[in-house]
PDB file of N, CA and C in Angstrom:
ATOM      1  N   MET A   1     191.925 129.816 -10.806  1.00  0.00           N
ATOM      2  CA  MET A   1     190.813 130.395 -11.779  1.00  0.00           C
ATOM      3  C   MET A   1     191.321 131.372 -12.427  1.00  0.00           C
ATOM      4  N   ARG A   2     191.250 131.362 -13.906  1.00  0.00           N
ATOM      5  CA  ARG A   2     191.512 132.370 -14.737  1.00  0.00           C
ATOM      6  C   ARG A   2     190.850 133.526 -14.518  1.00  0.00           C
ATOM      7  N   GLU A   3     190.999 134.847 -14.776  1.00  0.00           N
ATOM      8  CA  GLU A   3     190.166 135.959 -14.731  1.00  0.00           C
ATOM      9  C   GLU A   3     188.952 135.707 -15.538  1.00  0.00           C
ATOM     10  N   GLN A   4     189.225 135.150 -17.054  1.00  0.00           N
ATOM     11  CA  GLN A   4     188.225 134.680 -18.169  1.00  0.00           C
ATOM     12  C   GLN A   4     187.344 133.816 -17.830  1.00  0.00           C
ATOM     13  N   GLU A   5     187.638 132.800 -16.815  1.00  0.00           N
ATOM     14  CA  GLU A   5     186.910 131.766 -16.331  1.00  0.00           C
ATOM     15  C   GLU A   5     185.999 132.552 -15.370  1.00  0.00           C
ATOM     16  N   MET A   6     186.440 133.344 -14.307  1.00  0.00           N
ATOM     17  CA  MET A   6     185.705 133.986 -13.477  1.00  0.00           C
ATOM     18  C   MET A   6     184.888 135.094 -14.024  1.00  0.00           C
ATOM     19  N   LEU A   7     185.109 135.678 -14.970  1.00  0.00           N
ATOM     20  CA  LEU A   7     184.180 136.688 -15.615  1.00  0.00           C
ATOM     21  C   LEU A   7     182.787 135.929 -16.391  1.00  0.00           C
ATOM     22  N   SER A   8     183.194 134.559 -16.718  1.00  0.00           N
ATOM     23  CA  SER A   8     182.462 133.873 -17.543  1.00  0.00           C
ATOM     24  C   SER A   8     181.206 133.317 -16.212  1.00  0.00           C
ATOM     25  N   ARG A   9     181.543 132.744 -15.230  1.00  0.00           N
ATOM     26  CA  ARG A   9     181.001 132.377 -13.931  1.00  0.00           C
ATOM     27  C   ARG A   9     180.261 133.580 -13.561  1.00  0.00           C
ATOM     28  N   VAL A  10     180.591 134.840 -13.260  1.00  0.00           N
ATOM     29  CA  VAL A  10     179.949 135.979 -12.476  1.00  0.00           C
ATOM     30  C   VAL A  10     178.712 136.178 -13.657  1.00  0.00           C
ATOM     31  N   ILE A  11     179.267 135.970 -14.797  1.00  0.00           N
ATOM     32  CA  ILE A  11     177.750 136.721 -15.765  1.00  0.00           C
ATOM     33  C   ILE A  11     176.833 135.236 -15.560  1.00  0.00           C
ATOM     34  N   GLY A  12     177.261 134.013 -15.657  1.00  0.00           N
ATOM     35  CA  GLY A  12     176.388 132.956 -15.498  1.00  0.00           C
ATOM     36  C   GLY A  12     175.334 133.239 -14.039  1.00  0.00           C
ATOM     37  N   VAL A  13     176.029 133.968 -12.982  1.00  0.00           N
ATOM     38  CA  VAL A  13     175.579 133.777 -11.682  1.00  0.00           C
ATOM     39  C   VAL A  13     174.692 135.107 -12.130  1.00  0.00           C
ATOM     40  N   LEU A  14     174.976 136.183 -12.723  1.00  0.00           N
ATOM     41  CA  LEU A  14     173.890 137.387 -13.467  1.00  0.00           C
ATOM     42  C   LEU A  14     172.660 136.877 -14.115  1.00  0.00           C
ATOM     43  N   THR A  15     172.746 136.080 -14.998  1.00  0.00           N
ATOM     44  CA  THR A  15     171.937 135.768 -15.804  1.00  0.00           C
ATOM     45  C   THR A  15     170.935 134.854 -15.029  1.00  0.00           C
ATOM     46  N   GLN A  16     171.642 133.675 -14.213  1.00  0.00           N
ATOM     47  CA  GLN A  16     170.617 132.810 -13.304  1.00  0.00           C
ATOM     48  C   GLN A  16     169.953 133.516 -12.141  1.00  0.00           C
ATOM     49  N   SER A  17     170.208 134.637 -11.709  1.00  0.00           N
ATOM     50  CA  SER A  17     169.884 135.516 -10.747  1.00  0.00           C
ATOM     51  C   SER A  17     168.879 136.592 -11.295  1.00  0.00           C
ATOM     52  N   GLY A  18     168.722 136.739 -12.783  1.00  0.00           N
ATOM     53  CA  GLY A  18     167.746 137.686 -13.373  1.00  0.00           C
ATOM     54  C   GLY A  18     166.107 137.184 -13.130  1.00  0.00           C
ATOM     55  N   GLU A  19     166.309 135.477 -12.861  1.00  0.00           N
ATOM     56  CA  GLU A  19     164.806 135.087 -13.005  1.00  0.00           C
ATOM     57  C   GLU A  19     164.265 135.101 -11.189  1.00  0.00           C
ATOM     58  N   TRP A  20     165.448 134.915 -10.507  1.00  0.00           N
ATOM     59  CA  TRP A  20     165.259 134.925  -9.445  1.00  0.00           C
ATOM     60  C   TRP A  20     164.815 136.200  -8.902  1.00  0.00           C
ATOM     61  N   PHE A  21     165.165 137.568  -9.516  1.00  0.00           N
ATOM     62  CA  PHE A  21     165.017 138.579  -9.345  1.00  0.00           C
ATOM     63  C   PHE A  21     163.282 139.209  -9.823  1.00  0.00           C
ATOM     64  N   ARG A  22     163.281 138.500 -10.795  1.00  0.00           N
ATOM     65  CA  ARG A  22     161.804 138.796 -11.340  1.00  0.00           C
ATOM     66  C   ARG A  22     160.693 137.768 -10.561  1.00  0.00           C
ATOM     67  N   ASP A  23     161.256 136.670  -9.804  1.00  0.00           N
ATOM     68  CA  ASP A  23     160.331 136.150  -9.093  1.00  0.00           C
ATOM     69  C   ASP A  23     160.277 136.947  -7.791  1.00  0.00           C
ATOM     70  N   ILE A  24     160.991 137.448  -7.280  1.00  0.00           N
ATOM     71  CA  ILE A  24     161.087 138.673  -5.949  1.00  0.00           C
ATOM     72  C   ILE A  24     159.741 139.310  -6.100  1.00  0.00           C
ATOM     73  N   HIS A  25     159.706 140.085  -7.340  1.00  0.00           N
ATOM     74  CA  HIS A  25     159.092 141.057  -7.561  1.00  0.00           C
ATOM     75  C   HIS A  25     157.865 140.756  -7.835  1.00  0.00           C
ATOM     76  N   ARG A  26     157.426 139.526  -8.424  1.00  0.00           N
ATOM     77  CA  ARG A  26     156.412 138.816  -8.574  1.00  0.00           C
ATOM     78  C   ARG A  26     155.609 138.205  -7.269  1.00  0.00           C
ATOM     79  N   ASP A  27     156.588 137.833  -6.283  1.00  0.00           N
ATOM     80  CA  ASP A  27     155.901 137.219  -4.886  1.00  0.00           C
ATOM     81  C   ASP A  27     156.677 137.723  -3.803  1.00  0.00           C
ATOM     82  N   PRO A  28     156.898 139.133  -3.407  1.00  0.00           N
ATOM     83  CA  PRO A  28     157.975 139.399  -2.827  1.00  0.00           C
ATOM     84  C   PRO A  28     157.752 138.869  -1.264  1.00  0.00           C
ATOM     85  N   HIS A  29     156.836 138.310  -0.885  1.00  0.00           N
ATOM     86  CA  HIS A  29     156.418 137.181   0.299  1.00  0.00           C
ATOM     87  C   HIS A  29     156.609 136.197   0.449  1.00  0.00           C
ATOM     88  N   GLY A  30     157.174 135.215  -0.781  1.00  0.00           N
ATOM     89  CA  GLY A  30     157.252 133.977  -1.141  1.00  0.00           C
ATOM     90  C   GLY A  30     158.587 133.557  -0.536  1.00  0.00           C
ATOM     91  N   HIS A  31     158.770 132.423  -1.005  1.00  0.00           N
ATOM     92  CA  HIS A  31     159.860 131.610  -0.416  1.00  0.00           C
ATOM     93  C   HIS A  31     160.943 131.911  -1.473  1.00  0.00           C
ATOM     94  N   GLU A  32     162.209 131.746  -1.044  1.00  0.00           N
ATOM     95  CA  GLU A  32     163.435 131.571  -2.100  1.00  0.00           C
ATOM     96  C   GLU A  32     163.346 131.005  -2.997  1.00  0.00           C
ATOM     97  N   PRO A  33     163.576 131.284  -4.866  1.00  0.00           N
ATOM     98  CA  PRO A  33     163.143 130.673  -5.644  1.00  0.00           C
ATOM     99  C   PRO A  33     164.275 129.576  -6.026  1.00  0.00           C
ATOM    100  N   ALA A  34     163.881 128.590  -6.624  1.00  0.00           N
ATOM    101  CA  ALA A  34     164.833 127.594  -7.037  1.00  0.00           C
ATOM    102  C   ALA A  34     166.369 128.171  -7.702  1.00  0.00           C
ATOM    103  N   ASP A  35     166.088 129.440  -8.542  1.00  0.00           N
ATOM    104  CA  ASP A  35     167.492 129.678  -8.668  1.00  0.00           C
ATOM    105  C   ASP A  35     168.467 130.477  -7.665  1.00  0.00           C
ATOM    106  N   GLY A  36     168.055 130.414  -6.701  1.00  0.00           N
ATOM    107  CA  GLY A  36     168.757 130.969  -5.646  1.00  0.00           C
ATOM    108  C   GLY A  36     169.750 129.728  -5.161  1.00  0.00           C
ATOM    109  N   ARG A  37     169.295 128.415  -5.344  1.00  0.00           N
ATOM    110  CA  ARG A  37     170.458 127.433  -5.128  1.00  0.00           C
ATOM    111  C   ARG A  37     171.482 127.249  -6.510  1.00  0.00           C
ATOM    112  N   VAL A  38     170.740 127.577  -7.650  1.00  0.00           N
ATOM    113  CA  VAL A  38     171.648 127.896  -8.907  1.00  0.00           C
ATOM    114  C   VAL A  38     172.943 128.905  -8.501  1.00  0.00           C
ATOM    115  N   VAL A  39     172.035 130.201  -7.810  1.00  0.00           N
ATOM    116  CA  VAL A  39     173.589 131.071  -7.570  1.00  0.00           C
ATOM    117  C   VAL A  39     174.629 130.220  -6.814  1.00  0.00           C
ATOM    118  N   GLY A  40     174.043 129.629  -5.709  1.00  0.00           N
ATOM    119  CA  GLY A  40     174.667 128.960  -4.747  1.00  0.00           C
ATOM    120  C   GLY A  40     175.848 127.990  -5.282  1.00  0.00           C
ATOM    121  N   GLU A  41     175.320 127.488  -6.170  1.00  0.00           N
ATOM    122  CA  GLU A  41     175.737 126.256  -6.850  1.00  0.00           C
ATOM    123  C   GLU A  41     177.409 126.916  -7.776  1.00  0.00           C
ATOM    124  N   LEU A  42     176.818 128.188  -8.372  1.00  0.00           N
ATOM    125  CA  LEU A  42     178.276 128.931  -8.858  1.00  0.00           C
ATOM    126  C   LEU A  42     178.968 129.420  -8.225  1.00  0.00           C
ATOM    127  N   VAL A  43     178.457 130.057  -7.177  1.00  0.00           N
ATOM    128  CA  VAL A  43     179.809 130.406  -6.110  1.00  0.00           C
ATOM    129  C   VAL A  43     180.074 129.388  -5.858  1.00  0.00           C
ATOM    130  N   ALA A  44     179.893 128.199  -5.523  1.00  0.00           N
ATOM    131  CA  ALA A  44     180.686 127.004  -4.826  1.00  0.00           C
ATOM    132  C   ALA A  44     181.806 126.916  -6.412  1.00  0.00           C
ATOM    133  N   GLU A  45     181.378 126.840  -7.677  1.00  0.00           N
ATOM    134  CA  GLU A  45     182.585 127.027  -8.518  1.00  0.00           C
ATOM    135  C   GLU A  45     183.630 127.779  -8.414  1.00  0.00           C
ATOM    136  N   LEU A  46     182.642 129.005  -8.605  1.00  0.00           N
ATOM    137  CA  LEU A  46     183.992 130.018  -8.396  1.00  0.00           C
ATOM    138  C   LEU A  46     184.879 129.891  -6.775  1.00  0.00           C
ATOM    139  N   LEU A  47     184.511 129.331  -5.851  1.00  0.00           N
ATOM    140  CA  LEU A  47     185.497 129.089  -4.618  1.00  0.00           C
ATOM    141  C   LEU A  47     186.336 127.850  -4.580  1.00  0.00           C
ATOM    142  N   GLU A  48     185.877 126.938  -5.820  1.00  0.00           N
ATOM    143  CA  GLU A  48     186.524 125.715  -5.887  1.00  0.00           C
ATOM    144  C   GLU A  48     188.158 125.974  -5.953  1.00  0.00           C
ATOM    145  N   GLY A  49     188.992 125.288  -5.159  1.00  0.00           N
ATOM    146  CA  GLY A  49     190.230 125.778  -5.162  1.00  0.00           C
ATOM    147  C   GLY A  49     190.811 126.410  -4.363  1.00  0.00           C
ATOM    148  N   ALA A  50     189.956 127.921  -4.147  1.00  0.00           N
ATOM    149  CA  ALA A  50     190.383 129.349  -3.250  1.00  0.00           C
ATOM    150  C   ALA A  50     190.375 129.632  -1.817  1.00  0.00           C
ATOM    151  N   LEU A  51     189.694 128.517  -1.405  1.00  0.00           N
ATOM    152  CA  LEU A  51     189.200 128.464  -0.209  1.00  0.00           C
ATOM    153  C   LEU A  51     190.878 128.182   0.595  1.00  0.00           C
ATOM    154  N   PRO A  52     191.268 128.554   1.797  1.00  0.00           N
ATOM    155  CA  PRO A  52     192.008 128.459   2.680  1.00  0.00           C
ATOM    156  C   PRO A  52     192.437 127.221   2.975  1.00  0.00           C
ATOM    157  N   SER A  53     193.547 126.726   3.388  1.00  0.00           N
ATOM    158  CA  SER A  53     193.422 124.922   3.905  1.00  0.00           C
ATOM    159  C   SER A  53     193.140 124.930   5.026  1.00  0.00           C
ATOM    160  N   GLY A  54     192.816 124.000   5.536  1.00  0.00           N
ATOM    161  CA  GLY A  54     192.798 123.908   7.182  1.00  0.00           C
ATOM    162  C   GLY A  54     191.556 124.333   7.471  1.00  0.00           C
ATOM    163  N   LEU A  55     190.740 124.645   7.199  1.00  0.00           N
ATOM    164  CA  LEU A  55     189.464 124.688   7.589  1.00  0.00           C
ATOM    165  C   LEU A  55     188.436 123.792   7.670  1.00  0.00           C
ATOM    166  N   SER A  56     187.424 123.935   9.041  1.00  0.00           N
ATOM    167  CA  SER A  56     186.981 122.724   9.050  1.00  0.00           C
ATOM    168  C   SER A  56     185.565 122.708   8.340  1.00  0.00           C
ATOM    169  N   GLU A  57     185.036 121.431   8.233  1.00  0.00           N
ATOM    170  CA  GLU A  57     183.559 121.612   7.155  1.00  0.00           C
ATOM    171  C   GLU A  57     182.742 122.691   7.617  1.00  0.00           C
ATOM    172  N   GLU A  58     182.470 122.754   8.904  1.00  0.00           N
ATOM    173  CA  GLU A  58     181.514 123.769   9.232  1.00  0.00           C
ATOM    174  C   GLU A  58     182.373 125.381   8.901  1.00  0.00           C
ATOM    175  N   GLU A  59     183.437 125.649   9.238  1.00  0.00           N
ATOM    176  CA  GLU A  59     183.879 126.525   8.512  1.00  0.00           C
ATOM    177  C   GLU A  59     183.812 126.958   7.397  1.00  0.00           C
ATOM    178  N   GLU A  60     184.067 125.445   6.388  1.00  0.00           N
ATOM    179  CA  GLU A  60     183.964 126.250   4.871  1.00  0.00           C
ATOM    180  C   GLU A  60     182.672 126.151   4.621  1.00  0.00           C
ATOM    181  N   ARG A  61     181.738 125.238   5.336  1.00  0.00           N
ATOM    182  CA  ARG A  61     180.408 125.532   4.713  1.00  0.00           C
ATOM    183  C   ARG A  61     179.458 126.983   5.089  1.00  0.00           C
ATOM    184  N   GLU A  62     180.102 127.239   6.268  1.00  0.00           N
ATOM    185  CA  GLU A  62     179.719 128.631   6.491  1.00  0.00           C
ATOM    186  C   GLU A  62     180.263 130.042   5.404  1.00  0.00           C
ATOM    187  N   LEU A  63     181.695 129.881   5.231  1.00  0.00           N
ATOM    188  CA  LEU A  63     182.352 130.532   4.433  1.00  0.00           C
ATOM    189  C   LEU A  63     181.589 130.705   3.073  1.00  0.00           C
ATOM    190  N   ARG A  64     181.011 129.684   2.222  1.00  0.00           N
ATOM    191  CA  ARG A  64     180.553 129.104   1.098  1.00  0.00           C
ATOM    192  C   ARG A  64     179.102 129.993   1.453  1.00  0.00           C
ATOM    193  N   ARG A  65     178.323 129.785   2.159  1.00  0.00           N
ATOM    194  CA  ARG A  65     176.901 130.254   2.622  1.00  0.00           C
ATOM    195  C   ARG A  65     176.915 131.569   2.630  1.00  0.00           C
ATOM    196  N   SER A  66     178.244 132.263   3.172  1.00  0.00           N
ATOM    197  CA  SER A  66     178.134 133.529   3.359  1.00  0.00           C
ATOM    198  C   SER A  66     178.939 134.182   2.351  1.00  0.00           C
ATOM    199  N   THR A  67     179.440 133.760   1.339  1.00  0.00           N
ATOM    200  CA  THR A  67     179.836 134.117   0.079  1.00  0.00           C
ATOM    201  C   THR A  67     178.641 134.063  -0.990  1.00  0.00           C
ATOM    202  N   ALA A  68     177.925 133.013  -0.620  1.00  0.00           N
ATOM    203  CA  ALA A  68     176.736 133.140  -2.114  1.00  0.00           C
ATOM    204  C   ALA A  68     175.773 133.849  -1.772  1.00  0.00           C
ATOM    205  N   ARG A  69     175.248 134.429  -0.274  1.00  0.00           N
ATOM    206  CA  ARG A  69     174.391 135.394   0.303  1.00  0.00           C
ATOM    207  C   ARG A  69     175.263 136.877  -0.485  1.00  0.00           C
ATOM    208  N   LEU A  70     176.355 136.859   0.135  1.00  0.00           N
ATOM    209  CA  LEU A  70     176.682 138.487  -0.600  1.00  0.00           C
ATOM    210  C   LEU A  70     176.788 138.070  -2.173  1.00  0.00           C
ATOM    211  N   VAL A  71     177.096 137.433  -2.771  1.00  0.00           N
ATOM    212  CA  VAL A  71     176.647 137.257  -4.407  1.00  0.00           C
ATOM    213  C   VAL A  71     175.756 137.749  -4.429  1.00  0.00           C
ATOM    214  N   SER A  72     174.491 136.817  -4.061  1.00  0.00           N
ATOM    215  CA  SER A  72     173.047 137.255  -4.253  1.00  0.00           C
ATOM    216  C   SER A  72     172.508 138.656  -4.163  1.00  0.00           C
ATOM    217  N   VAL A  73     172.905 139.534  -3.242  1.00  0.00           N
ATOM    218  CA  VAL A  73     173.028 140.842  -2.746  1.00  0.00           C
ATOM    219  C   VAL A  73     173.367 141.498  -3.782  1.00  0.00           C
ATOM    220  N   PHE A  74     174.534 141.060  -4.222  1.00  0.00           N
ATOM    221  CA  PHE A  74     175.155 142.393  -5.143  1.00  0.00           C
ATOM    222  C   PHE A  74     174.341 142.066  -6.698  1.00  0.00           C
ATOM    223  N   ALA A  75     173.817 140.666  -6.769  1.00  0.00           N
ATOM    224  CA  ALA A  75     173.149 140.381  -8.005  1.00  0.00           C
ATOM    225  C   ALA A  75     171.698 141.208  -7.977  1.00  0.00           C
ATOM    226  N   PHE A  76     171.280 141.039  -6.340  1.00  0.00           N
ATOM    227  CA  PHE A  76     169.904 141.800  -6.460  1.00  0.00           C
ATOM    228  C   PHE A  76     169.623 143.124  -6.912  1.00  0.00           C
ATOM    229  N   VAL A  77     171.425 144.162  -6.165  1.00  0.00           N
ATOM    230  CA  VAL A  77     171.389 145.566  -6.606  1.00  0.00           C
ATOM    231  C   VAL A  77     171.649 145.530  -7.992  1.00  0.00           C
ATOM    232  N   PHE A  78     172.334 144.585  -8.785  1.00  0.00           N
ATOM    233  CA  PHE A  78     172.743 144.668 -10.331  1.00  0.00           C
ATOM    234  C   PHE A  78     171.478 144.765 -10.913  1.00  0.00           C
ATOM    235  N   HIS A  79     170.396 143.945 -10.534  1.00  0.00           N
ATOM    236  CA  HIS A  79     169.312 143.648 -11.237  1.00  0.00           C
ATOM    237  C   HIS A  79     168.185 145.128 -11.285  1.00  0.00           C
ATOM    238  N   GLN A  80     168.402 145.460  -9.834  1.00  0.00           N
ATOM    239  CA  GLN A  80     167.526 146.643  -9.738  1.00  0.00           C
ATOM    240  C   GLN A  80     167.981 147.974 -10.343  1.00  0.00           C
ATOM    241  N   LEU A  81     169.330 148.148 -10.215  1.00  0.00           N
ATOM    242  CA  LEU A  81     169.858 148.828 -11.452  1.00  0.00           C
ATOM    243  C   LEU A  81     169.682 148.929 -12.941  1.00  0.00           C
ATOM    244  N   ALA A  82     169.566 147.519 -13.664  1.00  0.00           N
ATOM    245  CA  ALA A  82     169.472 147.373 -14.692  1.00  0.00           C
ATOM    246  C   ALA A  82     168.055 147.320 -14.893  1.00  0.00           C
ATOM    247  N   GLU A  83     166.833 146.872 -14.178  1.00  0.00           N
ATOM    248  CA  GLU A  83     165.784 147.407 -14.485  1.00  0.00           C
ATOM    249  C   GLU A  83     165.318 149.121 -14.723  1.00  0.00           C
ATOM    250  N   VAL A  84     166.312 150.125 -13.957  1.00  0.00           N
ATOM    251  CA  VAL A  84     166.139 151.471 -14.107  1.00  0.00           C
ATOM    252  C   VAL A  84     166.543 151.569 -15.675  1.00  0.00           C
ATOM    253  N   HIS A  85     167.585 151.185 -15.731  1.00  0.00           N
ATOM    254  CA  HIS A  85     168.391 151.543 -17.182  1.00  0.00           C
ATOM    255  C   HIS A  85     167.598 150.885 -18.343  1.00  0.00           C
ATOM    256  N   ASP A  86     166.924 149.552 -17.999  1.00  0.00           N
ATOM    257  CA  ASP A  86     166.203 148.918 -18.930  1.00  0.00           C
ATOM    258  C   ASP A  86     164.823 149.799 -19.350  1.00  0.00           C
ATOM    259  N   ALA A  87     164.215 150.323 -18.335  1.00  0.00           N
ATOM    260  CA  ALA A  87     163.153 151.144 -18.540  1.00  0.00           C
ATOM    261  C   ALA A  87     163.222 152.624 -19.364  1.00  0.00           C
ATOM    262  N   GLY A  88     164.699 153.063 -19.404  1.00  0.00           N
ATOM    263  CA  GLY A  88     165.080 154.216 -19.972  1.00  0.00           C
ATOM    264  C   GLY A  88     164.981 155.323 -18.976  1.00  0.00           C
ATOM    265  N   ARG A  89     164.753 155.219 -17.568  1.00  0.00           N
ATOM    266  CA  ARG A  89     164.357 156.133 -17.019  1.00  0.00           C
ATOM    267  C   ARG A  89     165.479 157.365 -16.748  1.00  0.00           C
ATOM    268  N   THR A  90     164.884 158.400 -16.705  1.00  0.00           N
ATOM    269  CA  THR A  90     166.311 159.545 -16.345  1.00  0.00           C
ATOM    270  C   THR A  90     165.898 160.405 -15.428  1.00  0.00           C
ATOM    271  N   ASP A  91     164.911 159.862 -14.999  1.00  0.00           N
ATOM    272  CA  ASP A  91     164.496 160.571 -13.400  1.00  0.00           C
ATOM    273  C   ASP A  91     165.351 160.210 -12.288  1.00  0.00           C
ATOM    274  N   THR A  92     165.833 158.969 -12.197  1.00  0.00           N
ATOM    275  CA  THR A  92     166.677 158.239 -11.136  1.00  0.00           C
ATOM    276  C   THR A  92     168.170 157.914 -11.737  1.00  0.00           C
ATOM    277  N   SER A  93     169.240 158.174 -11.044  1.00  0.00           N
ATOM    278  CA  SER A  93     170.351 158.100 -11.190  1.00  0.00           C
ATOM    279  C   SER A  93     170.820 156.895 -10.679  1.00  0.00           C
ATOM    280  N   SER A  94     171.883 156.239 -10.832  1.00  0.00           N
ATOM    281  CA  SER A  94     172.424 155.211 -10.352  1.00  0.00           C
ATOM    282  C   SER A  94     172.613 155.465  -8.714  1.00  0.00           C
ATOM    283  N   GLY A  95     173.190 156.494  -8.730  1.00  0.00           N
ATOM    284  CA  GLY A  95     173.483 156.685  -7.284  1.00  0.00           C
ATOM    285  C   GLY A  95     172.027 157.020  -6.303  1.00  0.00           C
ATOM    286  N   ASP A  96     171.429 157.612  -6.933  1.00  0.00           N
ATOM    287  CA  ASP A  96     170.164 158.027  -6.609  1.00  0.00           C
ATOM    288  C   ASP A  96     169.347 156.577  -5.898  1.00  0.00           C
ATOM    289  N   LEU A  97     169.425 155.344  -6.909  1.00  0.00           N
ATOM    290  CA  LEU A  97     168.960 154.383  -6.628  1.00  0.00           C
ATOM    291  C   LEU A  97     170.061 153.670  -5.434  1.00  0.00           C
ATOM    292  N   LEU A  98     171.073 153.829  -5.748  1.00  0.00           N
ATOM    293  CA  LEU A  98     171.569 152.814  -4.930  1.00  0.00           C
ATOM    294  C   LEU A  98     171.656 153.585  -3.155  1.00  0.00           C
ATOM    295  N   ARG A  99     171.148 154.806  -3.197  1.00  0.00           N
ATOM    296  CA  ARG A  99     171.156 155.364  -1.915  1.00  0.00           C
ATOM    297  C   ARG A  99     169.687 155.034  -1.324  1.00  0.00           C
ATOM    298  N   GLN A 100     168.397 155.028  -2.492  1.00  0.00           N
ATOM    299  CA  GLN A 100     167.473 154.398  -1.889  1.00  0.00           C
ATOM    300  C   GLN A 100     166.989 153.204  -1.427  1.00  0.00           C
ATOM    301  N   LEU A 101     168.376 152.066  -2.131  1.00  0.00           N
ATOM    302  CA  LEU A 101     168.393 150.568  -1.626  1.00  0.00           C
ATOM    303  C   LEU A 101     168.973 150.540  -0.134  1.00  0.00           C
ATOM    304  N   ALA A 102     169.932 151.870  -0.094  1.00  0.00           N
ATOM    305  CA  ALA A 102     170.757 151.761   1.297  1.00  0.00           C
ATOM    306  C   ALA A 102     169.733 151.922   2.431  1.00  0.00           C
ATOM    307  N   LEU A 103     168.692 153.014   1.856  1.00  0.00           N
ATOM    308  CA  LEU A 103     168.099 153.612   2.873  1.00  0.00           C
ATOM    309  C   LEU A 103     166.513 152.365   3.323  1.00  0.00           C
ATOM    310  N   LYS A 104     166.427 151.669   2.532  1.00  0.00           N
ATOM    311  CA  LYS A 104     165.071 150.784   2.590  1.00  0.00           C
ATOM    312  C   LYS A 104     166.146 149.495   3.572  1.00  0.00           C
ATOM    313  N   ALA A 105     167.354 149.069   3.531  1.00  0.00           N
ATOM    314  CA  ALA A 105     167.933 148.226   3.890  1.00  0.00           C
ATOM    315  C   ALA A 105     168.081 148.599   5.419  1.00  0.00           C
ATOM    316  N   GLU A 106     168.345 149.968   5.487  1.00  0.00           N
ATOM    317  CA  GLU A 106     168.708 150.270   6.950  1.00  0.00           C
ATOM    318  C   GLU A 106     167.362 150.076   7.599  1.00  0.00           C
ATOM    319  N   TYR A 107     166.143 150.340   7.035  1.00  0.00           N
ATOM    320  CA  TYR A 107     164.919 150.343   7.648  1.00  0.00           C
ATOM    321  C   TYR A 107     164.207 149.200   7.517  1.00  0.00           C
ATOM    322  N   GLY A 108     164.951 148.149   7.530  1.00  0.00           N
ATOM    323  CA  GLY A 108     163.811 146.886   7.294  1.00  0.00           C
ATOM    324  C   GLY A 108     163.653 146.229   6.271  1.00  0.00           C
ATOM    325  N   GLY A 109     163.904 147.049   4.992  1.00  0.00           N
ATOM    326  CA  GLY A 109     162.971 146.742   3.556  1.00  0.00           C
ATOM    327  C   GLY A 109     163.938 145.647   2.997  1.00  0.00           C
ATOM    328  N   GLY A 110     165.080 145.699   3.143  1.00  0.00           N
ATOM    329  CA  GLY A 110     166.186 144.473   2.314  1.00  0.00           C
ATOM    330  C   GLY A 110     165.537 144.373   1.137  1.00  0.00           C
ATOM    331  N   GLN A 111     165.396 142.592   1.005  1.00  0.00           N
ATOM    332  CA  GLN A 111     165.537 142.274  -0.454  1.00  0.00           C
ATOM    333  C   GLN A 111     164.269 141.901  -0.895  1.00  0.00           C
ATOM    334  N   GLY A 112     163.332 142.052   0.312  1.00  0.00           N
ATOM    335  CA  GLY A 112     161.642 141.401   0.127  1.00  0.00           C
ATOM    336  C   GLY A 112     161.186 140.816   0.801  1.00  0.00           C
TER     337      GLY A 112
END
């Protein structure tokens, strides 16, 4: 996959995950929204042809699942940073926010 295509798909992941992020804020104890599947499908497209040969179906499925989860977490952090930026907040730097998220994750706060 060419870099331009990859960039386009990453933008798609971030765009689609924006709704997922807003859903989490609306109902932090709810189930994973449907957009989580969309992110998984976009990640599957990114991985198409990039997986090593010789993987069992189970290994491939787990690799795809783990990659989709990793991409979802990156998207979640992106949206957290974007929310602070879009609100025009100057009292919190991106480094401060990342430290807050790390502490929250360390103490079980996770993504919601």
